[in-house]
Amino acid sequence: MVKERPHLSSMSHPAASDRNLEVSSVSQVIFDGCWRRFEEKYRLGGIHVPREVVWLNGAPGAGKGVNTAHIMKIRGLQASISLSDILGDNAESRDIIRRGDMLPDALVGDLLLAALLINSCSAPECGVLVDGFPRTSLQVDFLKLLNDKLLELHTLCANTQLEPQFPRPLFKVVMLYVDEETSITRQMSRAELASKHNKRILDAGAGHLVEQRSTDMSIIKCKKRYSIFRQHYTATLRLKQFFPFHLIDSMGSLAETQEAITTELRYQSLLDLGQETYQAIRHLPLAKDLVQHARQQLVNRLDDHCEKHPDLFQKVIDIITAEIMPMLRESGMSGQVEYFCDLRLFNDHPRTAQMLIDVLTDRGFKVSHAAEVTHIPVQVDLTTGLIKNRKETRHRFRINWDSSSVGNWQALEIATRVAENAVKEPRISQSFIPPQSRSPPAQEREIKNPNSNDDAYIIFGS
């Protein structure tokens, strides 16, 4: 049964008292004003909440622009929003910037809400990256209040026709970090490269000019930009209290930075699933944990076969020696063999199939087993038409192994990479999980940051 459409004006704020402990009263007033204007203009019908929002921030020259596409690919996002583009496209904010005045926080909030919830995408599965927000303490509060509001709407619109428009909000924060020296060097280098590129375009009379930022052409302005970033950096670190926070070391090459991004933004059920969903499946083991303990379990089973069922174990070994090994030798280069048999041994003693699998697995083969049951007619009652069948069971063992050359150069390449990685400079890329999401997984291991005195967060380091 479809519920009646909820009205925004009738929404309550059950967690308002809790939020006031975390955000300033000024932030609350500004957000409430922005949301009131937003709801009056668009109502519920026009809102489409993205299924995931990645909030990208970082130091000047950290590579936000060059890494945007990579982050979107890793997380499967379909749209991106640049706060600077939003402000530049709006006449009111453009005039304020031109005059050199400070932008009102309320205006920034109004533009962000419209860009994110109205103009970014309309498909329920759409994900969005937002570049350049939040940067101040007030904007951090704004983001927290926005998440609370969207979570409230998600709960309110459940089991209604508006449910697809309001998925559970999933916010992630990505912070690209470089030190001051690297930031200034990259900003100045960016200006030099842009100047050379534009000169070639003008000389050739073809191509597209790239923007030369005035702040990149002066070392004083470059230092000022980094100084502003550092002033607000502590405020943005407060986001660790509310959302998954991924700190990416961007000091290295582009490839190294993107490798760190891939590692830190990998799928993690604890962070991506809803709490109820995660709690329902967390007792199931992870594949990596099954593999981790498989060798010891194999050893225990083999010893158990030999000690408690020596006669059956020897019969299985004889079958492998007499029937399976000749097939393996004949097909040594193919890497695959299928062994079929209808021996009563496997029917009368089901554990023998596991014995065969364990022995071959210990020898380095990958084995799967299936029992195929066939019903064969043996007698027909001509009076009643009933057919009497005989059940026959046929066992199929599929055996695979690595048939690649022993002198595979890939092994040398892997060894070389391991050696190179061993001498790399240490990186600081880390992921912080907010306290409310910190339910320890049943099978996943928690890794504490050895270089941090902050015990309030679990860190999945790269």
Foldseek 3Di string as FASTA:
>chain_A
DADDDDFPVPDDDPCVVVLCVVAPPVLVVLLVVLVVVVCVVQNLVQWAAEQEEEEEEEAALLCCPVCVVLLCVLVVADFEAELVVLLCVDPVSVVCVVVVHDDDPSVSSNSVCCCRTHPTDHFLNHYYYYYDPDQALSRLSSVLVVLSVLQSVCVVNPRHPSNSRRHNYAYEYEYRYDDLVSNLVSLLVVLVVLVVVVVVCVVVVDDDRDDRDPLSNDSVSSNVRRVSSVVRVVSVVCCLQPHKYWYFYSHDDPVNRSVLSSVSPHDDCLRSPDPVVCVVPLVDADPVVCVVCVVVVLVVVQVCCCPVPVVLLVVLVVCCVPPVVVVCVVCVQVFKDKDKDQDCSCVVDVCSVVSNQSVVVVVAKHKDKDKDKDWAFDDADPVVRDTDTDITIMMMMMIGHDNDDPPDCVVVVVVVVVVVVVPDDDTDTKIWHHQVSPDPGPHDDFDPDPVDPDPRTTIDGD
